[in-house]
């Protein structure tokens, strides 16, 4: 037993998994890849230790790797205990924007007996284990198998990094996110610069009516319209939208061709769509159109600041704010409601013509992290709908959490509408989601993605609220929208719809792709090579 406690396996287990244990105890959010990557490194380093046992330089190299992993684990532990979360790109973004004095003040403010004691305990035990670590001198057959497995896993890790370009899925904790951040930072800045040059230097025209106007475009996340009472769901998941139903135009037949955020918004927020197949990097953005048309623009977000394409759009807006910076990048207890003061400030800003983009975290997994516990409304099986009536308690719990997240999103949208009612000039709000979500609606599955795509992943809400001043200013557009609520539409036409809604005159505008135009022409709706209307559409009961 004593020999085992000195073995390299015990040292590796402690160094890799004690921080992981603390992350699980103190954080509600852990990346799904975190456990797999730590297990992989346990096998790789354990196998490498056998190879290094007779070679002093290889052994020192192993110790150097373990020291780096120990320091990474210390950062993971400290962050989890202090902030109740894990490192993200937003964490490093915030650090990069801080000077040494701010960092010193930050450390002194958040230092506590709890995090200091746990940190010292981890570092002390790690030091003692590494100092006395033993590696067997002779190899048994099972240990030779581990060496071979370690080599295979090392090759797989390299292939995965090259294939997915996501280091943090392969290298656990702080080190993986840090490497990913440093690797992507230069390309990230170049992408932003390219977007700025494209939107400002491309030869296109855009102008707008010279009257006061206020528009809010809210982008939801993972929202299946079939879970909204506004669209007929039996649970009252959207009470605030239901209360203003007479002032809404709810389009009933809009689908997204992509069940992934980045793929969807690359097309939704630029002139590229599934028909024209334009290169995203050569497609002018909706933000660029509004900027050129003379609107003051905002980008307010509860998503990560270093994700494309919305990171570049945020940089090209006149004003931008990611609330992840206010929460040190932590994704738990960072609810969309924290965006409301920023939305209210933008709505009340003195600019005569403004467009305010709001990007929510919405109903992104894990659903129960998307709303405050006191906002939990659905807790039993009352009016619960699923692919079969006898779903398990676990499945019912996920459906309840998902419906609660939609109920909370309704509160954010409804509160913003209430703020807009105080605006005397023409004002409108457009709300849609990047994609839907399968939550045991049609099969035993929760989530979204290109594999095994279902109608629930594609069917999204598409809602317009407008005040009386807007209806009086643009009566024709208002009437056409009301007449087109049942028309089959694609979400990647938002680029044209938003210009039509705001009556921007642009050389990039195509009336045939705008649901609020009399010239609108439905397009074939293809998602991942499948025809939505003939292959994926939900059959009427």
Protein backbone atom coordinates (compact mmCIF):
# COMPACT_ATOMS: atom_id res chain seq x y z
CA UNK A 1 0.00 0.00 0.00
CA UNK A 2 2.85 2.35 0.92
CA UNK A 3 4.50 1.64 -2.43
CA UNK A 4 1.25 2.47 -4.25
CA UNK A 5 0.93 5.83 -2.50
CA UNK A 6 4.40 6.68 -3.83
CA UNK A 7 3.74 5.45 -7.36
CA UNK A 8 3.43 7.79 -10.28
CA UNK A 9 -0.19 6.67 -10.74
CA UNK A 10 -1.21 8.09 -7.37
CA UNK A 11 0.59 11.36 -8.15
CA UNK A 12 -1.11 11.61 -11.54
CA UNK A 13 -4.54 10.83 -10.07
CA UNK A 14 -4.23 13.53 -7.44
CA UNK A 15 -2.73 16.21 -9.68
CA UNK A 16 -5.28 15.71 -12.44
CA UNK A 17 -8.43 14.94 -10.49
CA UNK A 18 -8.32 16.88 -7.22
CA UNK A 19 -8.92 20.17 -9.12
CA UNK A 20 -11.61 18.40 -11.15
CA UNK A 21 -13.31 17.32 -7.91
CA UNK A 22 -13.26 20.93 -6.67
CA UNK A 23 -14.63 22.12 -10.01
CA UNK A 24 -17.53 19.70 -9.66
CA UNK A 25 -18.19 20.70 -6.05
CA UNK A 26 -18.12 24.45 -6.64
CA UNK A 27 -19.27 24.81 -10.26
CA UNK A 28 -22.59 24.01 -11.89
CA UNK A 29 -21.03 24.13 -15.34
CA UNK A 30 -18.30 21.70 -16.48
CA UNK A 31 -17.39 21.10 -20.12
CA UNK A 32 -18.42 17.60 -21.23
CA UNK A 33 -14.93 17.02 -22.61
CA UNK A 34 -13.19 17.80 -19.30
CA UNK A 35 -13.45 14.32 -17.74
CA UNK A 36 -12.45 12.59 -20.99
CA UNK A 37 -9.39 14.78 -21.50
CA UNK A 38 -8.20 14.20 -17.90
CA UNK A 39 -8.62 10.45 -18.23
CA UNK A 40 -6.73 10.57 -21.52
CA UNK A 41 -3.85 12.49 -19.94
CA UNK A 42 -3.78 10.07 -17.00
CA UNK A 43 -3.18 7.18 -19.42
CA UNK A 44 -0.75 9.13 -21.64
CA UNK A 45 1.41 10.38 -18.77
CA UNK A 46 1.25 7.04 -16.96
CA UNK A 47 2.50 5.26 -20.06
CA UNK A 48 5.14 7.89 -20.74
CA UNK A 49 6.45 7.46 -17.19
CA UNK A 50 7.35 3.84 -17.97
CA UNK A 51 9.25 4.97 -21.07
CA UNK A 52 11.09 7.64 -19.07
CA UNK A 53 12.08 5.45 -16.12
CA UNK A 54 15.68 4.83 -17.28
CA UNK A 55 16.32 8.15 -19.02
CA UNK A 56 17.11 11.10 -16.79
CA UNK A 57 16.24 13.75 -19.38
CA UNK A 58 12.95 12.12 -20.30
CA UNK A 59 12.14 11.81 -16.60
CA UNK A 60 12.88 15.51 -16.06
CA UNK A 61 10.71 16.33 -19.06
CA UNK A 62 7.89 14.30 -17.47
CA UNK A 63 8.31 16.23 -14.22
CA UNK A 64 8.20 19.51 -16.15
CA UNK A 65 4.92 18.50 -17.77
CA UNK A 66 3.52 17.55 -14.36
CA UNK A 67 4.57 20.88 -12.89
CA UNK A 68 2.70 22.71 -15.66
CA UNK A 69 -0.36 20.53 -15.08
CA UNK A 70 -0.12 21.18 -11.33
CA UNK A 71 -0.03 24.94 -11.88
CA UNK A 72 -2.95 24.63 -14.28
CA UNK A 73 -4.84 22.60 -11.66
CA UNK A 74 -4.11 25.27 -9.07
CA UNK A 75 -5.66 27.90 -11.33
CA UNK A 76 -8.69 25.68 -12.00
CA UNK A 77 -9.19 25.04 -8.29
CA UNK A 78 -8.78 28.70 -7.34
CA UNK A 79 -11.19 29.89 -10.02
CA UNK A 80 -13.84 27.28 -9.20
CA UNK A 81 -13.77 27.97 -5.45
CA UNK A 82 -13.73 31.76 -5.90
CA UNK A 83 -16.18 32.24 -8.75
CA UNK A 84 -18.12 28.98 -8.97
CA UNK A 85 -17.18 28.35 -12.59
CA UNK A 86 -14.49 27.31 -15.05
CA UNK A 87 -12.11 29.26 -17.24
CA UNK A 88 -13.50 30.42 -20.58
CA UNK A 89 -12.27 32.68 -23.35
CA UNK A 90 -14.08 35.54 -21.60
CA UNK A 91 -11.91 34.99 -18.52
CA UNK A 92 -8.75 35.55 -20.54
CA UNK A 93 -10.33 38.43 -22.43
CA UNK A 94 -11.00 40.15 -19.10
CA UNK A 95 -7.46 39.42 -17.85
CA UNK A 96 -5.92 40.80 -21.05
CA UNK A 97 -7.81 44.06 -20.55
CA UNK A 98 -6.59 44.52 -16.95
CA UNK A 99 -3.41 46.27 -15.86
CA UNK A 100 -1.17 44.93 -13.01
CA UNK A 101 -2.77 47.22 -10.42
CA UNK A 102 -6.28 46.01 -11.33
CA UNK A 103 -5.12 42.40 -11.10
CA UNK A 104 -3.57 43.04 -7.66
CA UNK A 105 -6.76 44.67 -6.41
CA UNK A 106 -8.75 41.80 -7.89
CA UNK A 107 -6.67 39.21 -6.00
CA UNK A 108 -6.86 41.04 -2.68
CA UNK A 109 -10.62 41.49 -2.94
CA UNK A 110 -11.36 37.83 -3.73
CA UNK A 111 -8.78 36.16 -1.47
CA UNK A 112 -10.42 34.08 1.29
CA UNK A 113 -9.43 31.46 3.87
CA UNK A 114 -11.29 28.83 1.87
CA UNK A 115 -9.60 29.33 -1.48
CA UNK A 116 -6.15 29.98 0.02
CA UNK A 117 -6.26 26.86 2.25
CA UNK A 118 -7.44 24.60 -0.58
CA UNK A 119 -4.82 26.05 -2.93
CA UNK A 120 -1.99 25.50 -0.42
CA UNK A 121 -3.25 21.98 0.35
CA UNK A 122 -3.24 21.07 -3.34
CA UNK A 123 0.20 22.54 -4.03
CA UNK A 124 1.77 21.00 -0.90
CA UNK A 125 0.49 17.48 -1.56
CA UNK A 126 1.41 17.74 -5.25
CA UNK A 127 4.94 18.82 -4.34
CA UNK A 128 5.39 15.92 -1.89
CA UNK A 129 4.03 13.40 -4.39
CA UNK A 130 6.28 14.62 -7.19
CA UNK A 131 9.32 14.75 -4.90
CA UNK A 132 8.90 11.10 -3.84
CA UNK A 133 7.34 9.71 -7.00
CA UNK A 134 8.41 6.19 -7.97
CA UNK A 135 8.22 4.48 -11.39
CA UNK A 136 8.63 0.70 -11.63
CA UNK A 137 11.90 -0.38 -13.22
CA UNK A 138 10.52 -3.56 -14.85
CA UNK A 139 7.41 -3.80 -16.97
CA UNK A 140 4.65 -6.37 -16.78
CA UNK A 141 2.54 -7.18 -19.83
CA UNK A 142 -0.36 -4.97 -18.68
CA UNK A 143 2.02 -2.05 -18.29
CA UNK A 144 3.38 -2.57 -21.80
CA UNK A 145 -0.22 -2.39 -23.02
CA UNK A 146 -0.60 0.94 -21.22
CA UNK A 147 2.53 2.28 -22.95
CA UNK A 148 1.07 1.29 -26.33
CA UNK A 149 -2.28 2.81 -25.42
CA UNK A 150 -0.57 6.01 -24.33
CA UNK A 151 1.14 6.31 -27.71
CA UNK A 152 -2.14 5.73 -29.54
CA UNK A 153 -3.96 8.31 -27.40
CA UNK A 154 -1.16 10.84 -27.98
CA UNK A 155 -1.60 10.45 -31.75
CA UNK A 156 -5.39 10.73 -31.41
CA UNK A 157 -5.00 13.91 -29.35
CA UNK A 158 -2.83 15.53 -32.03
CA UNK A 159 -5.28 14.54 -34.76
CA UNK A 160 -8.23 15.92 -32.75
CA UNK A 161 -6.51 19.27 -32.20
CA UNK A 162 -5.69 19.59 -35.90
CA UNK A 163 -9.13 18.40 -36.98
CA UNK A 164 -11.28 20.51 -34.63
CA UNK A 165 -8.83 23.32 -33.84
CA UNK A 166 -10.06 23.22 -30.22
CA UNK A 167 -7.20 22.67 -27.80
CA UNK A 168 -9.40 23.00 -24.71
CA UNK A 169 -11.21 19.75 -25.64
CA UNK A 170 -7.90 17.88 -25.53
CA UNK A 171 -5.80 19.62 -22.88
CA UNK A 172 -7.77 19.93 -19.63
CA UNK A 173 -8.50 23.02 -17.58
CA UNK A 174 -6.64 26.31 -17.54
CA UNK A 175 -3.82 25.22 -19.86
CA UNK A 176 -6.16 24.13 -22.65
CA UNK A 177 -8.24 27.30 -22.57
CA UNK A 178 -5.11 29.48 -22.31
CA UNK A 179 -3.46 27.83 -25.32
CA UNK A 180 -6.69 28.05 -27.28
CA UNK A 181 -7.05 31.73 -26.42
CA UNK A 182 -3.46 32.57 -27.45
CA UNK A 183 -3.77 30.56 -30.67
CA UNK A 184 -7.03 32.18 -31.64
CA UNK A 185 -6.31 35.73 -30.50
CA UNK A 186 -4.30 36.78 -33.55
CA UNK A 187 -6.73 35.18 -35.99
CA UNK A 188 -9.59 36.65 -34.01
CA UNK A 189 -8.22 40.18 -34.34
CA UNK A 190 -7.56 39.63 -38.03
CA UNK A 191 -11.16 38.45 -38.55
CA UNK A 192 -12.49 41.55 -36.81
CA UNK A 193 -10.30 43.81 -38.92
CA UNK A 194 -11.41 41.99 -42.08
CA UNK A 195 -15.07 42.40 -41.08
CA UNK A 196 -14.61 46.12 -40.42
CA UNK A 197 -12.91 46.62 -43.79
CA UNK A 198 -15.53 44.55 -45.62
CA UNK A 199 -18.51 46.40 -44.12
CA UNK A 200 -17.00 49.87 -44.53
CA UNK A 201 -15.14 49.56 -47.82
CA UNK A 202 -17.49 47.38 -49.89
CA UNK A 203 -19.23 49.44 -52.56
CA UNK A 204 -22.91 49.38 -51.55
CA UNK A 205 -25.47 52.01 -50.69
CA UNK A 206 -27.79 52.18 -47.67
CA UNK A 207 -30.01 54.97 -46.38
CA UNK A 208 -33.00 55.33 -44.06
CA UNK A 209 -35.89 57.70 -43.43
CA UNK A 210 -34.78 60.84 -41.64
CA UNK A 211 -37.16 60.38 -38.70
CA UNK A 212 -36.65 59.16 -35.10
CA UNK A 213 -36.74 55.35 -34.98
CA UNK A 214 -35.87 52.69 -32.39
CA UNK A 215 -35.45 49.01 -33.16
CA UNK A 216 -34.46 46.09 -30.93
CA UNK A 217 -33.42 42.76 -32.46
CA UNK A 218 -33.30 40.00 -29.85
CA UNK A 219 -31.59 36.73 -30.77
CA UNK A 220 -32.72 33.81 -28.62
CA UNK A 221 -30.79 30.60 -28.15
CA UNK A 222 -31.94 26.99 -28.65
CA UNK A 223 -35.62 27.97 -28.59
CA UNK A 224 -38.18 25.57 -30.04
CA UNK A 225 -41.37 27.49 -30.80
CA UNK A 226 -43.42 24.37 -30.09
CA UNK A 227 -42.67 24.92 -26.39
CA UNK A 228 -44.17 28.42 -26.43
CA UNK A 229 -47.76 29.01 -25.36
CA UNK A 230 -47.80 31.84 -27.91
CA UNK A 231 -47.60 29.10 -30.55
CA UNK A 232 -50.15 26.80 -28.91
CA UNK A 233 -48.10 24.90 -26.31
CA UNK A 234 -50.46 23.86 -23.47
CA UNK A 235 -48.18 25.18 -20.71
CA UNK A 236 -48.17 28.95 -20.11
CA UNK A 237 -44.50 29.37 -20.99
CA UNK A 238 -44.86 32.84 -22.59
CA UNK A 239 -47.34 34.77 -20.41
CA UNK A 240 -45.87 38.22 -21.14
CA UNK A 241 -45.95 37.72 -24.91
CA UNK A 242 -49.43 36.21 -24.61
CA UNK A 243 -50.56 39.35 -22.79
CA UNK A 244 -49.55 41.59 -25.72
CA UNK A 245 -50.65 39.15 -28.42
CA UNK A 246 -52.77 41.81 -30.16
CA UNK A 247 -49.64 43.92 -30.70
CA UNK A 248 -47.57 41.03 -32.08
CA UNK A 249 -47.12 39.50 -35.48
CA UNK A 250 -46.08 35.90 -34.85
CA UNK A 251 -44.86 34.14 -37.98
CA UNK A 252 -45.88 30.49 -37.77
CA UNK A 253 -43.75 28.77 -40.40
CA UNK A 254 -40.14 29.90 -40.07
CA UNK A 255 -37.30 27.37 -39.92
CA UNK A 256 -33.55 27.66 -39.72
CA UNK A 257 -31.41 25.65 -42.15
CA UNK A 258 -28.79 25.15 -39.42
CA UNK A 259 -29.13 23.59 -35.95
CA UNK A 260 -25.90 25.22 -34.72
CA UNK A 261 -25.38 28.75 -33.43
CA UNK A 262 -22.31 29.76 -35.42
CA UNK A 263 -23.52 28.30 -38.72
CA UNK A 264 -26.96 29.85 -38.27
CA UNK A 265 -25.87 33.35 -37.31
CA UNK A 266 -23.18 33.53 -39.98
CA UNK A 267 -26.03 33.47 -42.49
CA UNK A 268 -28.73 35.22 -40.46
CA UNK A 269 -26.57 38.28 -39.85
CA UNK A 270 -24.97 38.58 -43.28
CA UNK A 271 -26.12 38.62 -46.89
CA UNK A 272 -25.06 34.97 -47.36
CA UNK A 273 -27.81 32.34 -47.47
CA UNK A 274 -28.37 28.76 -48.57
CA UNK A 275 -29.26 29.87 -52.11
CA UNK A 276 -26.54 32.34 -53.01
CA UNK A 277 -23.81 30.31 -51.23
CA UNK A 278 -21.76 33.47 -50.73
CA UNK A 279 -18.52 33.20 -48.81
CA UNK A 280 -19.19 34.48 -45.29
CA UNK A 281 -15.92 36.40 -45.36
CA UNK A 282 -17.12 38.24 -48.47
CA UNK A 283 -20.67 38.91 -47.23
CA UNK A 284 -21.64 42.31 -45.84
CA UNK A 285 -23.22 42.13 -42.40
CA UNK A 286 -26.54 43.52 -41.24
CA UNK A 287 -24.62 45.64 -38.74
CA UNK A 288 -22.67 47.14 -41.62
CA UNK A 289 -25.88 48.00 -43.45
CA UNK A 290 -27.37 49.75 -40.42
CA UNK A 291 -24.14 51.63 -39.75
CA UNK A 292 -24.05 52.91 -43.33
CA UNK A 293 -27.75 53.78 -43.22
CA UNK A 294 -27.11 56.24 -40.40
CA UNK A 295 -28.29 54.25 -37.38
CA UNK A 296 -26.45 54.24 -34.07
CA UNK A 297 -25.87 50.56 -33.26
CA UNK A 298 -25.52 48.43 -30.13
CA UNK A 299 -24.46 44.82 -29.54
CA UNK A 300 -25.38 43.52 -26.07
CA UNK A 301 -24.63 39.88 -25.33
CA UNK A 302 -24.69 37.11 -22.74
CA UNK A 303 -22.62 34.86 -24.99
CA UNK A 304 -18.84 34.47 -25.11
CA UNK A 305 -17.02 37.46 -26.65
CA UNK A 306 -14.53 35.41 -28.68
CA UNK A 307 -16.92 33.51 -30.89
CA UNK A 308 -17.48 34.26 -34.52
CA UNK A 309 -19.36 35.79 -36.24
CA UNK A 310 -20.97 37.88 -33.54
CA UNK A 311 -17.65 38.88 -31.98
CA UNK A 312 -16.77 40.80 -35.15
CA UNK A 313 -20.25 42.32 -35.34
CA UNK A 314 -19.91 43.52 -31.76
CA UNK A 315 -16.65 45.26 -32.62
CA UNK A 316 -18.23 47.03 -35.59
CA UNK A 317 -21.18 48.30 -33.50
CA UNK A 318 -21.01 51.82 -32.08
CA UNK A 319 -21.54 50.37 -28.59
CA UNK A 320 -21.01 46.83 -27.34
CA UNK A 321 -21.04 44.98 -24.05
CA UNK A 322 -20.66 41.32 -23.07
CA UNK A 323 -21.91 40.68 -19.56
CA UNK A 324 -19.50 37.71 -19.33
CA UNK A 325 -16.90 40.35 -18.50
CA UNK A 326 -18.96 41.31 -15.46
CA UNK A 327 -18.95 37.68 -14.28
CA UNK A 328 -15.30 36.81 -15.00
CA UNK A 329 -16.44 34.48 -17.80
CA UNK A 330 -18.40 32.19 -15.48
CA UNK A 331 -21.40 30.69 -17.27
CA UNK A 332 -23.44 29.84 -14.17
CA UNK A 333 -25.77 32.30 -12.44
CA UNK A 334 -25.10 34.66 -15.37
CA UNK A 335 -28.70 35.06 -16.35
CA UNK A 336 -30.04 36.98 -19.32
CA UNK A 337 -31.83 39.30 -16.90
CA UNK A 338 -28.50 41.00 -16.24
CA UNK A 339 -28.74 42.39 -19.76
CA UNK A 340 -31.92 44.35 -18.99
CA UNK A 341 -30.24 47.49 -17.54
CA UNK A 342 -28.01 47.71 -20.63
CA UNK A 343 -31.02 47.28 -22.93
CA UNK A 344 -32.93 49.98 -21.04
CA UNK A 345 -29.96 52.33 -21.23
CA UNK A 346 -29.69 51.80 -24.99
CA UNK A 347 -33.44 52.31 -25.52
CA UNK A 348 -33.26 55.59 -23.59
CA UNK A 349 -30.08 56.81 -25.33
CA UNK A 350 -30.50 60.17 -27.11
CA UNK A 351 -29.67 58.90 -30.62
CA UNK A 352 -32.57 59.61 -32.97
CA UNK A 353 -32.11 56.45 -35.05
CA UNK A 354 -30.87 53.31 -33.36
CA UNK A 355 -30.75 49.54 -33.74
CA UNK A 356 -30.04 47.48 -30.63
CA UNK A 357 -28.94 43.85 -31.09
CA UNK A 358 -29.36 41.63 -28.02
CA UNK A 359 -27.90 38.10 -27.95
CA UNK A 360 -29.30 35.91 -25.19
CA UNK A 361 -28.04 32.69 -23.62
CA UNK A 362 -31.70 31.65 -23.73
CA UNK A 363 -32.23 27.90 -23.44
CA UNK A 364 -28.70 26.66 -24.03
CA UNK A 365 -27.78 23.47 -22.22
CA UNK A 366 -27.78 23.02 -19.25
CA UNK A 367 -31.33 24.41 -19.13
CA UNK A 368 -31.60 24.76 -15.36
CA UNK A 369 -28.61 27.13 -15.39
CA UNK A 370 -30.46 29.60 -17.60
CA UNK A 371 -32.88 31.00 -15.03
CA UNK A 372 -32.74 31.89 -11.32
CA UNK A 373 -34.04 29.11 -9.04
CA UNK A 374 -36.83 31.35 -7.79
CA UNK A 375 -38.08 31.66 -11.40
CA UNK A 376 -38.81 27.93 -11.59
CA UNK A 377 -42.48 27.57 -12.57
CA UNK A 378 -42.86 24.06 -14.01
CA UNK A 379 -42.01 21.34 -11.50
CA UNK A 380 -44.32 18.40 -12.23
CA UNK A 381 -45.88 16.56 -15.16
CA UNK A 382 -48.91 18.81 -15.50
CA UNK A 383 -49.54 19.41 -19.24
CA UNK A 384 -46.11 17.99 -20.02
CA UNK A 385 -45.73 16.87 -23.64
CA UNK A 386 -43.14 14.40 -24.93
CA UNK A 387 -42.53 11.73 -27.55
CA UNK A 388 -44.30 9.25 -25.28
CA UNK A 389 -46.51 9.70 -22.20
CA UNK A 390 -44.40 7.62 -19.80
CA UNK A 391 -41.08 9.49 -20.03
CA UNK A 392 -38.73 8.94 -17.11
CA UNK A 393 -38.47 11.31 -14.16
CA UNK A 394 -35.10 12.46 -15.50
CA UNK A 395 -36.57 13.25 -18.92
CA UNK A 396 -39.53 15.05 -17.33
CA UNK A 397 -37.10 17.10 -15.24
CA UNK A 398 -35.23 18.20 -18.38
CA UNK A 399 -38.49 19.20 -20.06
CA UNK A 400 -39.52 21.19 -16.99
CA UNK A 401 -36.15 22.97 -16.92
CA UNK A 402 -36.38 23.73 -20.63
CA UNK A 403 -39.88 25.15 -20.26
CA UNK A 404 -38.68 27.25 -17.31
CA UNK A 405 -35.87 28.65 -19.45
CA UNK A 406 -38.40 29.65 -22.12
CA UNK A 407 -40.60 31.23 -19.44
CA UNK A 408 -37.57 33.29 -18.33
CA UNK A 409 -36.74 34.32 -21.91
CA UNK A 410 -40.35 35.47 -22.23
CA UNK A 411 -39.74 37.72 -19.25
CA UNK A 412 -36.67 39.27 -20.90
CA UNK A 413 -38.50 39.89 -24.20
CA UNK A 414 -41.66 41.08 -22.45
CA UNK A 415 -39.74 43.50 -20.24
CA UNK A 416 -37.95 44.93 -23.27
CA UNK A 417 -41.29 45.43 -25.02
CA UNK A 418 -42.52 47.26 -21.92
CA UNK A 419 -39.46 49.54 -22.14
CA UNK A 420 -40.21 50.25 -25.80
CA UNK A 421 -43.77 51.33 -24.97
CA UNK A 422 -42.25 54.44 -23.39
CA UNK A 423 -40.76 55.45 -26.75
CA UNK A 424 -42.86 58.04 -28.57
CA UNK A 425 -41.28 57.62 -32.02
CA UNK A 426 -41.64 54.65 -34.37
CA UNK A 427 -40.38 51.56 -32.55
CA UNK A 428 -40.37 47.82 -33.23
CA UNK A 429 -38.87 44.65 -31.79
CA UNK A 430 -37.88 41.55 -33.74
CA UNK A 431 -37.36 38.32 -31.78
CA UNK A 432 -36.14 35.00 -33.16
CA UNK A 433 -33.91 32.13 -32.09
CA UNK A 434 -30.75 30.95 -33.84
CA UNK A 435 -32.08 27.38 -33.88
CA UNK A 436 -34.50 25.14 -32.03
CA UNK A 437 -33.96 22.27 -29.61
CA UNK A 438 -35.08 18.66 -29.39
CA UNK A 439 -36.18 18.03 -25.81
CA UNK A 440 -37.72 14.57 -25.98
CA UNK A 441 -40.37 15.98 -28.35
CA UNK A 442 -40.11 13.41 -31.12
CA UNK A 443 -37.50 10.94 -29.82
CA UNK A 444 -35.33 10.01 -26.85
CA UNK A 445 -32.87 12.87 -27.25
CA UNK A 446 -32.19 16.36 -25.91
CA UNK A 447 -30.03 18.94 -27.65
CA UNK A 448 -29.31 20.02 -31.21
CA UNK A 449 -26.81 19.41 -33.98
CA UNK A 450 -26.38 18.37 -37.62
CA UNK A 451 -26.56 14.63 -36.90
CA UNK A 452 -30.03 13.18 -36.51
CA UNK A 453 -31.61 16.59 -37.04
CA UNK A 454 -35.32 16.86 -36.20
CA UNK A 455 -38.04 19.41 -36.87
CA UNK A 456 -37.76 20.59 -33.24
CA UNK A 457 -34.17 21.69 -33.90
CA UNK A 458 -35.25 23.81 -36.87
CA UNK A 459 -38.64 25.30 -35.98
CA UNK A 460 -37.99 28.67 -34.35
CA UNK A 461 -40.09 31.60 -33.14
CA UNK A 462 -40.17 34.69 -35.34
CA UNK A 463 -42.06 37.55 -33.73
CA UNK A 464 -42.46 41.26 -34.41
CA UNK A 465 -43.84 43.78 -31.93
CA UNK A 466 -44.46 47.34 -33.10
CA UNK A 467 -45.95 50.42 -31.47
CA UNK A 468 -48.73 52.59 -32.88
CA UNK A 469 -46.22 55.16 -34.18
CA UNK A 470 -44.56 52.44 -36.28
CA UNK A 471 -47.89 51.30 -37.69
CA UNK A 472 -48.80 54.87 -38.62
CA UNK A 473 -45.38 55.52 -40.17
CA UNK A 474 -45.13 52.25 -42.14
CA UNK A 475 -48.76 51.05 -42.63
CA UNK A 476 -48.06 49.09 -45.83
CA UNK A 477 -45.22 47.09 -44.31
CA UNK A 478 -47.31 46.40 -41.23
CA UNK A 479 -50.21 45.07 -43.27
CA UNK A 480 -48.01 42.86 -45.45
CA UNK A 481 -46.41 41.29 -42.37
CA UNK A 482 -49.86 40.55 -40.93
CA UNK A 483 -50.84 38.87 -44.21
CA UNK A 484 -47.68 36.74 -44.37
CA UNK A 485 -47.69 35.04 -40.95
CA UNK A 486 -48.32 31.61 -42.47
CA UNK A 487 -45.83 31.91 -45.32
CA UNK A 488 -42.95 29.37 -45.36
CA UNK A 489 -39.80 31.30 -44.53
CA UNK A 490 -36.12 30.69 -43.85
CA UNK A 491 -34.26 32.29 -40.97
CA UNK A 492 -31.27 33.14 -43.15
CA UNK A 493 -33.45 35.82 -44.81
CA UNK A 494 -33.30 38.00 -41.68
CA UNK A 495 -30.72 40.12 -43.50
CA UNK A 496 -33.45 41.23 -45.92
CA UNK A 497 -36.37 41.13 -43.48
CA UNK A 498 -34.64 43.50 -41.06
CA UNK A 499 -33.99 46.01 -43.84
CA UNK A 500 -37.63 45.78 -44.89
CA UNK A 501 -38.85 46.14 -41.29
CA UNK A 502 -36.77 49.29 -40.76
CA UNK A 503 -37.39 50.50 -44.32
CA UNK A 504 -33.70 50.85 -45.08
CA UNK A 505 -33.09 51.42 -48.78
CA UNK A 506 -30.06 49.35 -49.67
CA UNK A 507 -28.45 48.09 -52.85
CA UNK A 508 -28.04 44.72 -51.08
CA UNK A 509 -31.74 44.34 -50.30
CA UNK A 510 -33.73 41.65 -52.12
CA UNK A 511 -37.50 42.10 -51.70
CA UNK A 512 -38.15 38.52 -52.81
CA UNK A 513 -36.40 37.30 -49.65
CA UNK A 514 -38.25 39.61 -47.24
CA UNK A 515 -41.44 38.36 -45.58
CA UNK A 516 -42.59 41.94 -45.06
CA UNK A 517 -42.47 42.66 -48.79
CA UNK A 518 -45.32 42.19 -51.27
CA UNK A 519 -42.72 40.66 -53.63
CA UNK A 520 -41.76 37.86 -51.20
CA UNK A 521 -41.15 34.49 -52.87
CA UNK A 522 -40.80 31.31 -50.72
CA UNK A 523 -37.59 29.34 -51.23
CA UNK A 524 -36.93 25.62 -50.96
CA UNK A 525 -36.05 24.88 -47.37
CA UNK A 526 -33.06 22.55 -47.15
CA UNK A 527 -31.38 21.63 -43.86
CA UNK A 528 -28.25 19.47 -43.97
CA UNK A 529 -29.22 18.06 -47.35
CA UNK A 530 -32.80 17.24 -46.35
CA UNK A 531 -35.93 18.97 -47.59
CA UNK A 532 -37.65 20.28 -44.47
CA UNK A 533 -41.13 20.36 -46.00
CA UNK A 534 -41.07 16.81 -47.37
CA UNK A 535 -38.67 14.97 -45.05
CA UNK A 536 -38.45 16.71 -41.68
CA UNK A 537 -41.63 18.67 -41.08
CA UNK A 538 -43.70 17.50 -38.15
CA UNK A 539 -46.84 15.71 -39.25
CA UNK A 540 -50.14 17.21 -38.08
CA UNK A 541 -51.84 15.07 -35.40
